[in-house]
Protein backbone atom coordinates (compact mmCIF):
# COMPACT_ATOMS: atom_id res chain seq x y z
CA MET A 1 166.61 11.81 53.03
CA ILE A 2 163.98 14.50 53.57
CA LEU A 3 162.94 14.99 57.17
CA GLU A 4 159.41 16.06 57.95
CA PRO A 5 159.14 19.16 60.15
CA ARG A 6 158.42 18.56 63.82
CA ALA A 7 156.32 20.84 66.00
CA ALA A 8 159.15 20.95 68.55
CA ASP A 9 161.39 22.60 65.92
CA LEU A 10 158.94 25.36 64.97
CA ASP A 11 158.43 28.81 66.37
CA PRO A 12 155.58 28.72 68.96
CA VAL A 13 153.50 31.17 66.90
CA ASP A 14 153.75 28.88 63.88
CA VAL A 15 152.56 25.94 66.01
CA GLU A 16 149.65 28.00 67.35
CA ASN A 17 148.66 28.98 63.82
CA ALA A 18 148.90 25.37 62.60
CA LEU A 19 146.69 24.18 65.49
CA LEU A 20 144.11 26.89 64.83
CA ARG A 21 144.17 26.22 61.09
CA ALA A 22 143.42 22.53 61.64
CA ALA A 23 140.67 23.27 64.18
CA LEU A 24 138.89 25.95 62.16
CA GLY A 25 135.24 25.13 61.59
CA ASP A 26 134.95 22.49 64.33
CA TYR A 27 133.69 24.41 67.36
CA SER A 28 134.87 21.76 69.83
CA ASP A 29 138.39 21.65 68.39
CA GLU A 30 138.49 25.45 68.18
CA ALA A 31 137.36 25.73 71.81
CA ALA A 32 139.97 23.27 73.08
CA ILE A 33 142.81 24.96 71.20
CA LEU A 34 141.68 28.45 72.24
CA LEU A 35 141.44 27.24 75.85
CA LEU A 36 145.04 26.05 75.80
CA LEU A 37 146.23 29.16 73.94
CA THR A 38 144.57 31.59 76.32
CA SER A 39 145.70 29.67 79.40
CA GLY A 40 149.27 30.34 78.28
CA HIS A 41 150.73 27.32 80.07
CA TRP A 42 150.32 24.15 78.03
CA LEU A 43 151.30 24.70 74.41
CA PRO A 44 155.03 25.22 75.03
CA GLN A 45 155.14 22.05 77.15
CA LEU A 46 153.14 20.02 74.65
CA GLN A 47 155.38 21.26 71.86
CA ARG A 48 158.61 20.34 73.71
CA ALA A 49 157.22 16.94 74.75
CA GLY A 50 156.34 15.97 71.18
CA LEU A 51 152.60 15.87 71.93
CA ILE A 52 151.75 18.05 68.93
CA THR A 53 151.80 16.39 65.52
CA LEU A 54 152.18 18.27 62.25
CA ASP A 55 150.08 17.14 59.31
CA GLY A 56 151.96 19.08 56.68
CA ASN A 57 150.63 21.68 54.30
CA VAL A 58 147.12 20.24 54.02
CA ASP A 59 145.21 23.00 52.25
CA GLY A 60 148.01 24.93 50.59
CA ALA A 61 147.74 27.71 53.18
CA GLY A 62 150.24 26.34 55.68
CA LEU A 63 150.91 23.59 58.16
CA TRP A 64 148.17 21.89 60.16
CA ALA A 65 148.81 20.51 63.62
CA HIS A 66 146.95 18.37 66.16
CA ILE A 67 147.40 17.66 69.83
CA ASN A 68 147.81 13.98 70.70
CA TRP A 69 144.96 14.04 73.22
CA PRO A 70 145.10 10.33 74.16
CA ASP A 71 148.77 10.67 75.21
CA LEU A 72 148.24 13.53 77.68
CA ASP A 73 147.29 11.45 80.73
CA GLY A 74 150.41 9.32 80.43
CA ALA A 75 152.60 12.39 79.97
CA LEU A 76 151.11 13.92 83.12
CA ARG A 77 151.56 10.69 85.11
CA ILE A 78 155.26 10.36 84.30
CA GLY A 79 155.97 14.09 84.65
CA THR A 80 156.79 14.84 81.01
CA ILE A 81 154.35 17.73 81.31
CA THR A 82 153.46 19.42 84.59
CA GLY A 83 151.21 22.11 85.96
CA SER A 84 149.38 23.35 89.02
CA THR A 85 146.05 21.80 89.99
CA SER A 86 144.16 24.53 88.13
CA GLN A 87 146.36 24.18 85.03
CA ARG A 88 145.87 20.40 85.03
CA GLN A 89 142.11 20.90 85.21
CA VAL A 90 142.28 23.25 82.21
CA LEU A 91 144.13 20.55 80.28
CA ARG A 92 141.53 17.94 81.34
CA ALA A 93 138.73 20.28 80.19
CA ALA A 94 140.41 20.85 76.82
CA ALA A 95 140.90 17.10 76.30
CA SER A 96 137.26 16.49 77.18
CA ILE A 97 135.98 19.15 74.80
CA ALA A 98 138.23 18.11 71.90
CA ASP A 99 138.42 14.36 72.27
CA GLY A 100 135.59 13.31 74.56
CA HIS A 101 137.69 12.35 77.58
CA PRO A 102 135.13 11.98 80.39
CA VAL A 103 135.48 14.38 83.31
CA ASP A 104 133.60 14.81 86.56
CA LEU A 105 132.40 18.41 86.23
CA GLY A 106 132.16 18.90 90.01
CA ASP A 107 135.75 17.72 90.48
CA LEU A 108 136.92 19.77 87.50
CA ALA A 109 135.24 22.98 88.69
CA ALA A 110 136.50 22.57 92.27
CA GLY A 111 140.08 22.58 91.01
CA LEU A 112 139.87 25.75 88.93
CA ASP A 113 141.01 29.18 90.04
CA ARG A 114 138.86 32.14 88.94
CA HIS A 115 140.82 32.87 85.74
CA ALA A 116 140.84 29.20 84.69
CA LEU A 117 137.10 28.94 85.44
CA THR A 118 136.44 31.87 83.09
CA LEU A 119 138.52 30.19 80.38
CA VAL A 120 136.76 26.84 80.75
CA LEU A 121 133.32 28.49 80.69
CA ALA A 122 134.28 30.44 77.55
CA ALA A 123 135.52 27.20 75.95
CA ILE A 124 132.28 25.38 76.73
CA ALA A 125 130.26 28.30 75.34
CA HIS A 126 132.42 28.35 72.19
CA ALA A 127 132.08 24.59 71.70
CA ALA A 128 128.30 25.04 71.92
CA GLY A 129 128.43 27.68 69.18
CA SER A 130 127.34 30.59 71.37
CA HIS A 131 129.63 32.91 69.39
CA GLU A 132 127.58 32.44 66.20
CA PRO A 133 123.88 32.93 66.98
CA ARG A 134 121.75 35.74 65.70
CA SER A 135 118.58 37.14 67.13
CA ILE A 136 115.40 36.13 65.33
CA THR A 137 113.26 38.94 64.01
CA PRO A 138 109.64 38.10 63.21
CA ALA A 139 108.52 39.62 59.94
CA SER A 140 105.05 40.77 58.95
CA ASP A 141 104.74 37.67 56.73
CA GLY A 142 105.20 35.46 59.82
CA VAL A 143 108.54 34.09 58.64
CA PRO A 144 111.36 34.52 61.15
CA HIS A 145 114.45 36.28 59.80
CA PRO A 146 117.95 36.32 61.27
CA GLY A 147 118.68 39.59 63.00
CA GLU A 148 121.75 41.00 64.66
CA ARG A 149 124.56 38.78 65.87
CA LEU A 150 124.34 38.07 69.59
CA PRO A 151 127.37 38.16 71.87
CA PRO A 152 128.75 34.84 73.15
CA VAL A 153 127.26 33.55 76.40
CA ILE A 154 130.73 33.85 77.97
CA SER A 155 133.39 35.83 76.10
CA TRP A 156 137.04 34.84 75.95
CA PRO A 157 139.03 37.09 78.28
CA GLN A 158 141.39 39.50 76.61
CA THR A 159 144.96 38.18 76.52
CA ASN A 160 148.27 39.32 75.16
CA LEU A 161 148.60 36.54 72.58
């Protein structure tokens, strides 16, 4: 019998890489995963609780992984995963960005400390694609041409990942 690998059995860096690999190219998924990675609190808990699913070696470049977004609320309710008010709001924001879970933005923002607020704003900006735009340079022929890359509206804070 061949057992499939489980996220709980992998090194945390391998799980992070698998999550990023699966999210690459989908700004919302990227933003949600980067939000949880930079917050530093949730991925180890999600990994231990079995809330991260491995999809195997999808593209030949390594494992892909996904967070079981619909199961997070239940895990929070029964205490399988825990966090401070601000940390819980970060998780709610990530679930909303990645999976469309509705959130009351006023309630969400009121529960964020300054660092978490910066992370959530950076995630929203990333999901909107603000890290990709270029300035538009008008040419003499009247056709606009892409210019220099613009900085994101809100940059991800530097972390020790």
